[in-house]
mmCIF file of all heavy atoms, coordinates in Angstrom:
data_MODEL
# 
_entry.id   MODEL 
# 
loop_
_atom_site.group_PDB 
_atom_site.id 
_atom_site.type_symbol 
_atom_site.label_atom_id 
_atom_site.label_alt_id 
_atom_site.label_comp_id 
_atom_site.label_asym_id 
_atom_site.label_entity_id 
_atom_site.label_seq_id 
_atom_site.pdbx_PDB_ins_code 
_atom_site.Cartn_x 
_atom_site.Cartn_y 
_atom_site.Cartn_z 
_atom_site.occupancy 
_atom_site.B_iso_or_equiv 
_atom_site.pdbx_formal_charge 
_atom_site.auth_seq_id 
_atom_site.auth_comp_id 
_atom_site.auth_asym_id 
_atom_site.auth_atom_id 
_atom_site.pdbx_PDB_model_num 
ATOM 1   N N   . THR A 1 1  ? 4.838  3.515  -5.992 1.00 0.00 ? 1  THR A N   1 
ATOM 2   C CA  . THR A 1 1  ? 4.742  3.331  -4.548 1.00 0.00 ? 1  THR A CA  1 
ATOM 3   C C   . THR A 1 1  ? 5.929  2.541  -4.021 1.00 0.00 ? 1  THR A C   1 
ATOM 4   O O   . THR A 1 1  ? 6.509  2.882  -2.987 1.00 0.00 ? 1  THR A O   1 
ATOM 5   C CB  . THR A 1 1  ? 3.420  2.623  -4.185 1.00 0.00 ? 1  THR A CB  1 
ATOM 6   O OG1 . THR A 1 1  ? 2.336  3.403  -4.696 1.00 0.00 ? 1  THR A OG1 1 
ATOM 7   C CG2 . THR A 1 1  ? 3.266  2.431  -2.693 1.00 0.00 ? 1  THR A CG2 1 
ATOM 8   N N   . THR A 1 2  ? 6.307  1.504  -4.743 1.00 0.00 ? 2  THR A N   1 
ATOM 9   C CA  . THR A 1 2  ? 7.455  0.687  -4.351 1.00 0.00 ? 2  THR A CA  1 
ATOM 10  C C   . THR A 1 2  ? 8.741  1.500  -4.392 1.00 0.00 ? 2  THR A C   1 
ATOM 11  O O   . THR A 1 2  ? 9.564  1.449  -3.473 1.00 0.00 ? 2  THR A O   1 
ATOM 12  C CB  . THR A 1 2  ? 7.567  -0.550 -5.254 1.00 0.00 ? 2  THR A CB  1 
ATOM 13  O OG1 . THR A 1 2  ? 6.369  -1.314 -5.131 1.00 0.00 ? 2  THR A OG1 1 
ATOM 14  C CG2 . THR A 1 2  ? 8.754  -1.411 -4.883 1.00 0.00 ? 2  THR A CG2 1 
ATOM 15  N N   . LYS A 1 3  ? 8.915  2.290  -5.454 1.00 0.00 ? 3  LYS A N   1 
ATOM 16  C CA  . LYS A 1 3  ? 10.106 3.134  -5.566 1.00 0.00 ? 3  LYS A CA  1 
ATOM 17  C C   . LYS A 1 3  ? 10.144 4.151  -4.427 1.00 0.00 ? 3  LYS A C   1 
ATOM 18  O O   . LYS A 1 3  ? 11.183 4.354  -3.801 1.00 0.00 ? 3  LYS A O   1 
ATOM 19  C CB  . LYS A 1 3  ? 10.119 3.864  -6.905 1.00 0.00 ? 3  LYS A CB  1 
ATOM 20  C CG  . LYS A 1 3  ? 11.330 4.758  -7.075 1.00 0.00 ? 3  LYS A CG  1 
ATOM 21  C CD  . LYS A 1 3  ? 11.319 5.474  -8.408 1.00 0.00 ? 3  LYS A CD  1 
ATOM 22  C CE  . LYS A 1 3  ? 12.535 6.387  -8.539 1.00 0.00 ? 3  LYS A CE  1 
ATOM 23  N NZ  . LYS A 1 3  ? 12.557 7.118  -9.806 1.00 0.00 ? 3  LYS A NZ  1 
ATOM 24  N N   . ALA A 1 4  ? 9.007  4.775  -4.137 1.00 0.00 ? 4  ALA A N   1 
ATOM 25  C CA  . ALA A 1 4  ? 8.946  5.764  -3.059 1.00 0.00 ? 4  ALA A CA  1 
ATOM 26  C C   . ALA A 1 4  ? 9.320  5.127  -1.719 1.00 0.00 ? 4  ALA A C   1 
ATOM 27  O O   . ALA A 1 4  ? 10.073 5.716  -0.938 1.00 0.00 ? 4  ALA A O   1 
ATOM 28  C CB  . ALA A 1 4  ? 7.559  6.385  -2.990 1.00 0.00 ? 4  ALA A CB  1 
ATOM 29  N N   . ALA A 1 5  ? 8.818  3.941  -1.459 1.00 0.00 ? 5  ALA A N   1 
ATOM 30  C CA  . ALA A 1 5  ? 9.134  3.255  -0.203 1.00 0.00 ? 5  ALA A CA  1 
ATOM 31  C C   . ALA A 1 5  ? 10.627 2.963  -0.109 1.00 0.00 ? 5  ALA A C   1 
ATOM 32  O O   . ALA A 1 5  ? 11.236 3.134  0.959  1.00 0.00 ? 5  ALA A O   1 
ATOM 33  C CB  . ALA A 1 5  ? 8.326  1.965  -0.094 1.00 0.00 ? 5  ALA A CB  1 
ATOM 34  N N   . ARG A 1 6  ? 11.233 2.555  -1.215 1.00 0.00 ? 6  ARG A N   1 
ATOM 35  C CA  . ARG A 1 6  ? 12.674 2.273  -1.215 1.00 0.00 ? 6  ARG A CA  1 
ATOM 36  C C   . ARG A 1 6  ? 13.482 3.548  -0.970 1.00 0.00 ? 6  ARG A C   1 
ATOM 37  O O   . ARG A 1 6  ? 14.471 3.535  -0.244 1.00 0.00 ? 6  ARG A O   1 
ATOM 38  C CB  . ARG A 1 6  ? 13.087 1.634  -2.531 1.00 0.00 ? 6  ARG A CB  1 
ATOM 39  C CG  . ARG A 1 6  ? 12.625 0.208  -2.658 1.00 0.00 ? 6  ARG A CG  1 
ATOM 40  C CD  . ARG A 1 6  ? 13.081 -0.408 -3.958 1.00 0.00 ? 6  ARG A CD  1 
ATOM 41  N NE  . ARG A 1 6  ? 12.552 -1.748 -4.083 1.00 0.00 ? 6  ARG A NE  1 
ATOM 42  C CZ  . ARG A 1 6  ? 12.304 -2.342 -5.223 1.00 0.00 ? 6  ARG A CZ  1 
ATOM 43  N NH1 . ARG A 1 6  ? 12.555 -1.724 -6.369 1.00 0.00 ? 6  ARG A NH1 1 
ATOM 44  N NH2 . ARG A 1 6  ? 11.818 -3.563 -5.252 1.00 0.00 ? 6  ARG A NH2 1 
ATOM 45  N N   . VAL A 1 7  ? 13.076 4.640  -1.596 1.00 0.00 ? 7  VAL A N   1 
ATOM 46  C CA  . VAL A 1 7  ? 13.782 5.913  -1.420 1.00 0.00 ? 7  VAL A CA  1 
ATOM 47  C C   . VAL A 1 7  ? 13.683 6.361  0.037  1.00 0.00 ? 7  VAL A C   1 
ATOM 48  O O   . VAL A 1 7  ? 14.689 6.737  0.651  1.00 0.00 ? 7  VAL A O   1 
ATOM 49  C CB  . VAL A 1 7  ? 13.219 6.995  -2.377 1.00 0.00 ? 7  VAL A CB  1 
ATOM 50  C CG1 . VAL A 1 7  ? 13.686 8.382  -1.995 1.00 0.00 ? 7  VAL A CG1 1 
ATOM 51  C CG2 . VAL A 1 7  ? 13.609 6.672  -3.822 1.00 0.00 ? 7  VAL A CG2 1 
ATOM 52  N N   . ILE A 1 8  ? 12.493 6.315  0.601  1.00 0.00 ? 8  ILE A N   1 
ATOM 53  C CA  . ILE A 1 8  ? 12.302 6.748  1.995  1.00 0.00 ? 8  ILE A CA  1 
ATOM 54  C C   . ILE A 1 8  ? 13.086 5.856  2.950  1.00 0.00 ? 8  ILE A C   1 
ATOM 55  O O   . ILE A 1 8  ? 13.749 6.342  3.873  1.00 0.00 ? 8  ILE A O   1 
ATOM 56  C CB  . ILE A 1 8  ? 10.801 6.774  2.345  1.00 0.00 ? 8  ILE A CB  1 
ATOM 57  C CG1 . ILE A 1 8  ? 10.122 7.909  1.575  1.00 0.00 ? 8  ILE A CG1 1 
ATOM 58  C CG2 . ILE A 1 8  ? 10.593 6.924  3.849  1.00 0.00 ? 8  ILE A CG2 1 
ATOM 59  C CD1 . ILE A 1 8  ? 8.625  7.877  1.623  1.00 0.00 ? 8  ILE A CD1 1 
ATOM 60  N N   . GLU A 1 9  ? 13.033 4.567  2.720  1.00 0.00 ? 9  GLU A N   1 
ATOM 61  C CA  . GLU A 1 9  ? 13.768 3.635  3.580  1.00 0.00 ? 9  GLU A CA  1 
ATOM 62  C C   . GLU A 1 9  ? 15.271 3.900  3.503  1.00 0.00 ? 9  GLU A C   1 
ATOM 63  O O   . GLU A 1 9  ? 15.951 3.951  4.533  1.00 0.00 ? 9  GLU A O   1 
ATOM 64  C CB  . GLU A 1 9  ? 13.459 2.197  3.170  1.00 0.00 ? 9  GLU A CB  1 
ATOM 65  C CG  . GLU A 1 9  ? 14.105 1.157  4.058  1.00 0.00 ? 9  GLU A CG  1 
ATOM 66  C CD  . GLU A 1 9  ? 13.729 -0.260 3.665  1.00 0.00 ? 9  GLU A CD  1 
ATOM 67  O OE1 . GLU A 1 9  ? 12.616 -0.460 3.148  1.00 0.00 ? 9  GLU A OE1 1 
ATOM 68  O OE2 . GLU A 1 9  ? 14.557 -1.158 3.885  1.00 0.00 ? 9  GLU A OE2 1 
ATOM 69  N N   . ALA A 1 10 ? 15.797 4.100  2.306  1.00 0.00 ? 10 ALA A N   1 
ATOM 70  C CA  . ALA A 1 10 ? 17.227 4.361  2.144  1.00 0.00 ? 10 ALA A CA  1 
ATOM 71  C C   . ALA A 1 10 ? 17.628 5.684  2.795  1.00 0.00 ? 10 ALA A C   1 
ATOM 72  O O   . ALA A 1 10 ? 18.675 5.772  3.454  1.00 0.00 ? 10 ALA A O   1 
ATOM 73  C CB  . ALA A 1 10 ? 17.603 4.352  0.659  1.00 0.00 ? 10 ALA A CB  1 
ATOM 74  N N   . LEU A 1 11 ? 16.804 6.709  2.614  1.00 0.00 ? 11 LEU A N   1 
ATOM 75  C CA  . LEU A 1 11 ? 17.083 7.995  3.261  1.00 0.00 ? 11 LEU A CA  1 
ATOM 76  C C   . LEU A 1 11 ? 17.092 7.844  4.778  1.00 0.00 ? 11 LEU A C   1 
ATOM 77  O O   . LEU A 1 11 ? 17.977 8.360  5.459  1.00 0.00 ? 11 LEU A O   1 
ATOM 78  C CB  . LEU A 1 11 ? 16.063 9.047  2.842  1.00 0.00 ? 11 LEU A CB  1 
ATOM 79  C CG  . LEU A 1 11 ? 16.232 9.661  1.464  1.00 0.00 ? 11 LEU A CG  1 
ATOM 80  C CD1 . LEU A 1 11 ? 15.020 10.538 1.124  1.00 0.00 ? 11 LEU A CD1 1 
ATOM 81  C CD2 . LEU A 1 11 ? 17.519 10.468 1.373  1.00 0.00 ? 11 LEU A CD2 1 
ATOM 82  N N   . PHE A 1 12 ? 16.094 7.149  5.295  1.00 0.00 ? 12 PHE A N   1 
ATOM 83  C CA  . PHE A 1 12 ? 15.997 6.965  6.746  1.00 0.00 ? 12 PHE A CA  1 
ATOM 84  C C   . PHE A 1 12 ? 17.229 6.240  7.285  1.00 0.00 ? 12 PHE A C   1 
ATOM 85  O O   . PHE A 1 12 ? 17.853 6.693  8.250  1.00 0.00 ? 12 PHE A O   1 
ATOM 86  C CB  . PHE A 1 12 ? 14.721 6.199  7.100  1.00 0.00 ? 12 PHE A CB  1 
ATOM 87  C CG  . PHE A 1 12 ? 14.519 6.047  8.581  1.00 0.00 ? 12 PHE A CG  1 
ATOM 88  C CD1 . PHE A 1 12 ? 13.987 7.080  9.329  1.00 0.00 ? 12 PHE A CD1 1 
ATOM 89  C CD2 . PHE A 1 12 ? 14.873 4.874  9.225  1.00 0.00 ? 12 PHE A CD2 1 
ATOM 90  C CE1 . PHE A 1 12 ? 13.814 6.955  10.701 1.00 0.00 ? 12 PHE A CE1 1 
ATOM 91  C CE2 . PHE A 1 12 ? 14.699 4.732  10.590 1.00 0.00 ? 12 PHE A CE2 1 
ATOM 92  C CZ  . PHE A 1 12 ? 14.165 5.776  11.327 1.00 0.00 ? 12 PHE A CZ  1 
ATOM 93  N N   . GLU A 1 13 ? 17.607 5.139  6.655  1.00 0.00 ? 13 GLU A N   1 
ATOM 94  C CA  . GLU A 1 13 ? 18.764 4.369  7.116  1.00 0.00 ? 13 GLU A CA  1 
ATOM 95  C C   . GLU A 1 13 ? 20.040 5.197  7.042  1.00 0.00 ? 13 GLU A C   1 
ATOM 96  O O   . GLU A 1 13 ? 20.858 5.191  7.969  1.00 0.00 ? 13 GLU A O   1 
ATOM 97  C CB  . GLU A 1 13 ? 18.915 3.096  6.292  1.00 0.00 ? 13 GLU A CB  1 
ATOM 98  C CG  . GLU A 1 13 ? 17.848 2.066  6.585  1.00 0.00 ? 13 GLU A CG  1 
ATOM 99  C CD  . GLU A 1 13 ? 17.927 0.856  5.657  1.00 0.00 ? 13 GLU A CD  1 
ATOM 100 O OE1 . GLU A 1 13 ? 18.854 0.791  4.818  1.00 0.00 ? 13 GLU A OE1 1 
ATOM 101 O OE2 . GLU A 1 13 ? 17.048 -0.015 5.781  1.00 0.00 ? 13 GLU A OE2 1 
ATOM 102 N N   . THR A 1 14 ? 20.205 5.942  5.951  1.00 0.00 ? 14 THR A N   1 
ATOM 103 C CA  . THR A 1 14 ? 21.405 6.761  5.775  1.00 0.00 ? 14 THR A CA  1 
ATOM 104 C C   . THR A 1 14 ? 21.477 7.865  6.811  1.00 0.00 ? 14 THR A C   1 
ATOM 105 O O   . THR A 1 14 ? 22.524 8.083  7.439  1.00 0.00 ? 14 THR A O   1 
ATOM 106 C CB  . THR A 1 14 ? 21.427 7.356  4.351  1.00 0.00 ? 14 THR A CB  1 
ATOM 107 O OG1 . THR A 1 14 ? 21.426 6.281  3.408  1.00 0.00 ? 14 THR A OG1 1 
ATOM 108 C CG2 . THR A 1 14 ? 22.643 8.227  4.135  1.00 0.00 ? 14 THR A CG2 1 
ATOM 109 N N   . LEU A 1 15 ? 20.379 8.586  7.017  1.00 0.00 ? 15 LEU A N   1 
ATOM 110 C CA  . LEU A 1 15 ? 20.371 9.695  7.965  1.00 0.00 ? 15 LEU A CA  1 
ATOM 111 C C   . LEU A 1 15 ? 20.444 9.212  9.415  1.00 0.00 ? 15 LEU A C   1 
ATOM 112 O O   . LEU A 1 15 ? 21.014 9.897  10.275 1.00 0.00 ? 15 LEU A O   1 
ATOM 113 C CB  . LEU A 1 15 ? 19.153 10.580 7.737  1.00 0.00 ? 15 LEU A CB  1 
ATOM 114 C CG  . LEU A 1 15 ? 19.127 11.275 6.371  1.00 0.00 ? 15 LEU A CG  1 
ATOM 115 C CD1 . LEU A 1 15 ? 17.782 11.953 6.141  1.00 0.00 ? 15 LEU A CD1 1 
ATOM 116 C CD2 . LEU A 1 15 ? 20.269 12.266 6.241  1.00 0.00 ? 15 LEU A CD2 1 
ATOM 117 N N   . MET A 1 16 ? 19.887 8.053  9.692  1.00 0.00 ? 16 MET A N   1 
ATOM 118 C CA  . MET A 1 16 ? 19.996 7.485  11.039 1.00 0.00 ? 16 MET A CA  1 
ATOM 119 C C   . MET A 1 16 ? 21.432 7.095  11.339 1.00 0.00 ? 16 MET A C   1 
ATOM 120 O O   . MET A 1 16 ? 21.899 7.255  12.458 1.00 0.00 ? 16 MET A O   1 
ATOM 121 C CB  . MET A 1 16 ? 19.089 6.253  11.190 1.00 0.00 ? 16 MET A CB  1 
ATOM 122 C CG  . MET A 1 16 ? 17.651 6.554  11.485 1.00 0.00 ? 16 MET A CG  1 
ATOM 123 S SD  . MET A 1 16 ? 17.380 7.335  13.091 1.00 0.00 ? 16 MET A SD  1 
ATOM 124 C CE  . MET A 1 16 ? 17.762 6.006  14.223 1.00 0.00 ? 16 MET A CE  1 
ATOM 125 N N   . SER A 1 17 ? 22.132 6.584  10.338 1.00 0.00 ? 17 SER A N   1 
ATOM 126 C CA  . SER A 1 17 ? 23.498 6.122  10.580 1.00 0.00 ? 17 SER A CA  1 
ATOM 127 C C   . SER A 1 17 ? 24.503 7.270  10.638 1.00 0.00 ? 17 SER A C   1 
ATOM 128 O O   . SER A 1 17 ? 25.577 7.119  11.200 1.00 0.00 ? 17 SER A O   1 
ATOM 129 C CB  . SER A 1 17 ? 23.917 5.105  9.520  1.00 0.00 ? 17 SER A CB  1 
ATOM 130 O OG  . SER A 1 17 ? 24.025 5.727  8.259  1.00 0.00 ? 17 SER A OG  1 
ATOM 131 N N   . ASP A 1 18 ? 24.159 8.430  10.049 1.00 0.00 ? 18 ASP A N   1 
ATOM 132 C CA  . ASP A 1 18 ? 25.077 9.564  10.063 1.00 0.00 ? 18 ASP A CA  1 
ATOM 133 C C   . ASP A 1 18 ? 24.280 10.868 10.139 1.00 0.00 ? 18 ASP A C   1 
ATOM 134 O O   . ASP A 1 18 ? 23.911 11.449 9.119  1.00 0.00 ? 18 ASP A O   1 
ATOM 135 C CB  . ASP A 1 18 ? 25.953 9.546  8.813  1.00 0.00 ? 18 ASP A CB  1 
ATOM 136 C CG  . ASP A 1 18 ? 27.033 10.611 8.825  1.00 0.00 ? 18 ASP A CG  1 
ATOM 137 O OD1 . ASP A 1 18 ? 27.090 11.411 9.791  1.00 0.00 ? 18 ASP A OD1 1 
ATOM 138 O OD2 . ASP A 1 18 ? 27.819 10.654 7.864  1.00 0.00 ? 18 ASP A OD2 1 
ATOM 139 N N   . THR A 1 19 ? 24.036 11.331 11.346 1.00 0.00 ? 19 THR A N   1 
ATOM 140 C CA  . THR A 1 19 ? 23.245 12.553 11.521 1.00 0.00 ? 19 THR A CA  1 
ATOM 141 C C   . THR A 1 19 ? 23.981 13.800 11.041 1.00 0.00 ? 19 THR A C   1 
ATOM 142 O O   . THR A 1 19 ? 23.370 14.859 10.910 1.00 0.00 ? 19 THR A O   1 
ATOM 143 C CB  . THR A 1 19 ? 22.817 12.737 12.993 1.00 0.00 ? 19 THR A CB  1 
ATOM 144 O OG1 . THR A 1 19 ? 23.986 12.766 13.815 1.00 0.00 ? 19 THR A OG1 1 
ATOM 145 C CG2 . THR A 1 19 ? 21.873 11.634 13.423 1.00 0.00 ? 19 THR A CG2 1 
ATOM 146 N N   . GLN A 1 20 ? 25.279 13.681 10.752 1.00 0.00 ? 20 GLN A N   1 
ATOM 147 C CA  . GLN A 1 20 ? 26.022 14.822 10.203 1.00 0.00 ? 20 GLN A CA  1 
ATOM 148 C C   . GLN A 1 20 ? 25.516 15.191 8.819  1.00 0.00 ? 20 GLN A C   1 
ATOM 149 O O   . GLN A 1 20 ? 25.793 16.290 8.320  1.00 0.00 ? 20 GLN A O   1 
ATOM 150 C CB  . GLN A 1 20 ? 27.527 14.505 10.142 1.00 0.00 ? 20 GLN A CB  1 
ATOM 151 C CG  . GLN A 1 20 ? 28.166 14.342 11.510 1.00 0.00 ? 20 GLN A CG  1 
ATOM 152 C CD  . GLN A 1 20 ? 28.082 15.617 12.330 1.00 0.00 ? 20 GLN A CD  1 
ATOM 153 O OE1 . GLN A 1 20 ? 28.441 16.690 11.861 1.00 0.00 ? 20 GLN A OE1 1 
ATOM 154 N NE2 . GLN A 1 20 ? 27.599 15.500 13.552 1.00 0.00 ? 20 GLN A NE2 1 
ATOM 155 N N   . LEU A 1 21 ? 24.759 14.319 8.189  1.00 0.00 ? 21 LEU A N   1 
ATOM 156 C CA  . LEU A 1 21 ? 24.177 14.593 6.874  1.00 0.00 ? 21 LEU A CA  1 
ATOM 157 C C   . LEU A 1 21 ? 22.924 15.450 6.960  1.00 0.00 ? 21 LEU A C   1 
ATOM 158 O O   . LEU A 1 21 ? 22.454 15.960 5.945  1.00 0.00 ? 21 LEU A O   1 
ATOM 159 C CB  . LEU A 1 21 ? 23.856 13.273 6.155  1.00 0.00 ? 21 LEU A CB  1 
ATOM 160 C CG  . LEU A 1 21 ? 25.060 12.379 5.847  1.00 0.00 ? 21 LEU A CG  1 
ATOM 161 C CD1 . LEU A 1 21 ? 24.584 11.015 5.351  1.00 0.00 ? 21 LEU A CD1 1 
ATOM 162 C CD2 . LEU A 1 21 ? 25.978 13.041 4.841  1.00 0.00 ? 21 LEU A CD2 1 
ATOM 163 N N   . LEU A 1 22 ? 22.383 15.604 8.164  1.00 0.00 ? 22 LEU A N   1 
ATOM 164 C CA  . LEU A 1 22 ? 21.181 16.417 8.362  1.00 0.00 ? 22 LEU A CA  1 
ATOM 165 C C   . LEU A 1 22 ? 21.539 17.902 8.379  1.00 0.00 ? 22 LEU A C   1 
ATOM 166 O O   . LEU A 1 22 ? 22.651 18.270 8.788  1.00 0.00 ? 22 LEU A O   1 
ATOM 167 C CB  . LEU A 1 22 ? 20.518 16.059 9.688  1.00 0.00 ? 22 LEU A CB  1 
ATOM 168 C CG  . LEU A 1 22 ? 19.840 14.704 9.789  1.00 0.00 ? 22 LEU A CG  1 
ATOM 169 C CD1 . LEU A 1 22 ? 19.558 14.360 11.254 1.00 0.00 ? 22 LEU A CD1 1 
ATOM 170 C CD2 . LEU A 1 22 ? 18.559 14.685 8.980  1.00 0.00 ? 22 LEU A CD2 1 
ATOM 171 N N   . PRO A 1 23 ? 20.604 18.755 7.986  1.00 0.00 ? 23 PRO A N   1 
ATOM 172 C CA  . PRO A 1 23 ? 20.824 20.199 8.163  1.00 0.00 ? 23 PRO A CA  1 
ATOM 173 C C   . PRO A 1 23 ? 21.052 20.492 9.648  1.00 0.00 ? 23 PRO A C   1 
ATOM 174 O O   . PRO A 1 23 ? 20.552 19.762 10.520 1.00 0.00 ? 23 PRO A O   1 
ATOM 175 C CB  . PRO A 1 23 ? 19.514 20.831 7.677  1.00 0.00 ? 23 PRO A CB  1 
ATOM 176 C CG  . PRO A 1 23 ? 18.892 19.804 6.801  1.00 0.00 ? 23 PRO A CG  1 
ATOM 177 C CD  . PRO A 1 23 ? 19.313 18.481 7.351  1.00 0.00 ? 23 PRO A CD  1 
ATOM 178 N N   . PRO A 1 24 ? 21.799 21.562 9.960  1.00 0.00 ? 24 PRO A N   1 
ATOM 179 C CA  . PRO A 1 24 ? 22.180 21.833 11.360 1.00 0.00 ? 24 PRO A CA  1 
ATOM 180 C C   . PRO A 1 24 ? 21.033 21.788 12.368 1.00 0.00 ? 24 PRO A C   1 
ATOM 181 O O   . PRO A 1 24 ? 21.172 21.172 13.431 1.00 0.00 ? 24 PRO A O   1 
ATOM 182 C CB  . PRO A 1 24 ? 22.807 23.229 11.291 1.00 0.00 ? 24 PRO A CB  1 
ATOM 183 C CG  . PRO A 1 24 ? 23.301 23.340 9.886  1.00 0.00 ? 24 PRO A CG  1 
ATOM 184 C CD  . PRO A 1 24 ? 22.343 22.551 9.043  1.00 0.00 ? 24 PRO A CD  1 
ATOM 185 N N   . GLN A 1 25 ? 19.897 22.430 12.062 1.00 0.00 ? 25 GLN A N   1 
ATOM 186 C CA  . GLN A 1 25 ? 18.817 22.455 13.053 1.00 0.00 ? 25 GLN A CA  1 
ATOM 187 C C   . GLN A 1 25 ? 18.249 21.062 13.313 1.00 0.00 ? 25 GLN A C   1 
ATOM 188 O O   . GLN A 1 25 ? 17.876 20.735 14.444 1.00 0.00 ? 25 GLN A O   1 
ATOM 189 C CB  . GLN A 1 25 ? 17.706 23.448 12.660 1.00 0.00 ? 25 GLN A CB  1 
ATOM 190 C CG  . GLN A 1 25 ? 16.894 23.062 11.458 1.00 0.00 ? 25 GLN A CG  1 
ATOM 191 C CD  . GLN A 1 25 ? 17.466 23.530 10.114 1.00 0.00 ? 25 GLN A CD  1 
ATOM 192 O OE1 . GLN A 1 25 ? 18.660 23.768 9.971  1.00 0.00 ? 25 GLN A OE1 1 
ATOM 193 N NE2 . GLN A 1 25 ? 16.609 23.672 9.127  1.00 0.00 ? 25 GLN A NE2 1 
ATOM 194 N N   . PHE A 1 26 ? 18.210 20.202 12.302 1.00 0.00 ? 26 PHE A N   1 
ATOM 195 C CA  . PHE A 1 26 ? 17.715 18.841 12.501 1.00 0.00 ? 26 PHE A CA  1 
ATOM 196 C C   . PHE A 1 26 ? 18.767 17.981 13.192 1.00 0.00 ? 26 PHE A C   1 
ATOM 197 O O   . PHE A 1 26 ? 18.439 17.128 14.008 1.00 0.00 ? 26 PHE A O   1 
ATOM 198 C CB  . PHE A 1 26 ? 17.281 18.228 11.166 1.00 0.00 ? 26 PHE A CB  1 
ATOM 199 C CG  . PHE A 1 26 ? 15.977 18.748 10.680 1.00 0.00 ? 26 PHE A CG  1 
ATOM 200 C CD1 . PHE A 1 26 ? 15.923 19.804 9.787  1.00 0.00 ? 26 PHE A CD1 1 
ATOM 201 C CD2 . PHE A 1 26 ? 14.783 18.201 11.112 1.00 0.00 ? 26 PHE A CD2 1 
ATOM 202 C CE1 . PHE A 1 26 ? 14.716 20.310 9.345  1.00 0.00 ? 26 PHE A CE1 1 
ATOM 203 C CE2 . PHE A 1 26 ? 13.564 18.687 10.683 1.00 0.00 ? 26 PHE A CE2 1 
ATOM 204 C CZ  . PHE A 1 26 ? 13.531 19.752 9.795  1.00 0.00 ? 26 PHE A CZ  1 
ATOM 205 N N   . ARG A 1 27 ? 20.027 18.204 12.860 1.00 0.00 ? 27 ARG A N   1 
ATOM 206 C CA  . ARG A 1 27 ? 21.108 17.469 13.524 1.00 0.00 ? 27 ARG A CA  1 
ATOM 207 C C   . ARG A 1 27 ? 21.092 17.777 15.023 1.00 0.00 ? 27 ARG A C   1 
ATOM 208 O O   . ARG A 1 27 ? 21.160 16.872 15.852 1.00 0.00 ? 27 ARG A O   1 
ATOM 209 C CB  . ARG A 1 27 ? 22.454 17.827 12.909 1.00 0.00 ? 27 ARG A CB  1 
ATOM 210 C CG  . ARG A 1 27 ? 23.611 17.072 13.529 1.00 0.00 ? 27 ARG A CG  1 
ATOM 211 C CD  . ARG A 1 27 ? 24.946 17.350 12.886 1.00 0.00 ? 27 ARG A CD  1 
ATOM 212 N NE  . ARG A 1 27 ? 25.246 18.770 12.863 1.00 0.00 ? 27 ARG A NE  1 
ATOM 213 C CZ  . ARG A 1 27 ? 25.358 19.506 11.743 1.00 0.00 ? 27 ARG A CZ  1 
ATOM 214 N NH1 . ARG A 1 27 ? 25.177 18.948 10.565 1.00 0.00 ? 27 ARG A NH1 1 
ATOM 215 N NH2 . ARG A 1 27 ? 25.655 20.793 11.811 1.00 0.00 ? 27 ARG A NH2 1 
ATOM 216 N N   . GLU A 1 28 ? 20.966 19.039 15.369 1.00 0.00 ? 28 GLU A N   1 
ATOM 217 C CA  . GLU A 1 28 ? 20.922 19.425 16.787 1.00 0.00 ? 28 GLU A CA  1 
ATOM 218 C C   . GLU A 1 28 ? 19.699 18.836 17.481 1.00 0.00 ? 28 GLU A C   1 
ATOM 219 O O   . GLU A 1 28 ? 19.790 18.345 18.616 1.00 0.00 ? 28 GLU A O   1 
ATOM 220 C CB  . GLU A 1 28 ? 20.927 20.947 16.905 1.00 0.00 ? 28 GLU A CB  1 
ATOM 221 C CG  . GLU A 1 28 ? 22.242 21.576 16.471 1.00 0.00 ? 28 GLU A CG  1 
ATOM 222 C CD  . GLU A 1 28 ? 22.153 23.082 16.246 1.00 0.00 ? 28 GLU A CD  1 
ATOM 223 O OE1 . GLU A 1 28 ? 21.105 23.686 16.588 1.00 0.00 ? 28 GLU A OE1 1 
ATOM 224 O OE2 . GLU A 1 28 ? 23.125 23.643 15.719 1.00 0.00 ? 28 GLU A OE2 1 
ATOM 225 N N   . ALA A 1 29 ? 18.574 18.875 16.802 1.00 0.00 ? 29 ALA A N   1 
ATOM 226 C CA  . ALA A 1 29 ? 17.351 18.297 17.381 1.00 0.00 ? 29 ALA A CA  1 
ATOM 227 C C   . ALA A 1 29 ? 17.500 16.791 17.557 1.00 0.00 ? 29 ALA A C   1 
ATOM 228 O O   . ALA A 1 29 ? 17.070 16.229 18.576 1.00 0.00 ? 29 ALA A O   1 
ATOM 229 C CB  . ALA A 1 29 ? 16.149 18.611 16.495 1.00 0.00 ? 29 ALA A CB  1 
ATOM 230 N N   . ALA A 1 30 ? 18.117 16.131 16.579 1.00 0.00 ? 30 ALA A N   1 
ATOM 231 C CA  . ALA A 1 30 ? 18.314 14.678 16.664 1.00 0.00 ? 30 ALA A CA  1 
ATOM 232 C C   . ALA A 1 30 ? 19.219 14.334 17.841 1.00 0.00 ? 30 ALA A C   1 
ATOM 233 O O   . ALA A 1 30 ? 18.948 13.379 18.585 1.00 0.00 ? 30 ALA A O   1 
ATOM 234 C CB  . ALA A 1 30 ? 18.897 14.151 15.358 1.00 0.00 ? 30 ALA A CB  1 
# 
C-alpha cells in the first residue's frame, strides 16, 4: 500500500508538472 501510494504520488506530480508526457487525448483534455 505504501509503495502504491508513492508510485501514484510520483506519477501525479510528474504528469502535473509536464502534461507533454500524457497521451495526446489526455494532454488536450488537460
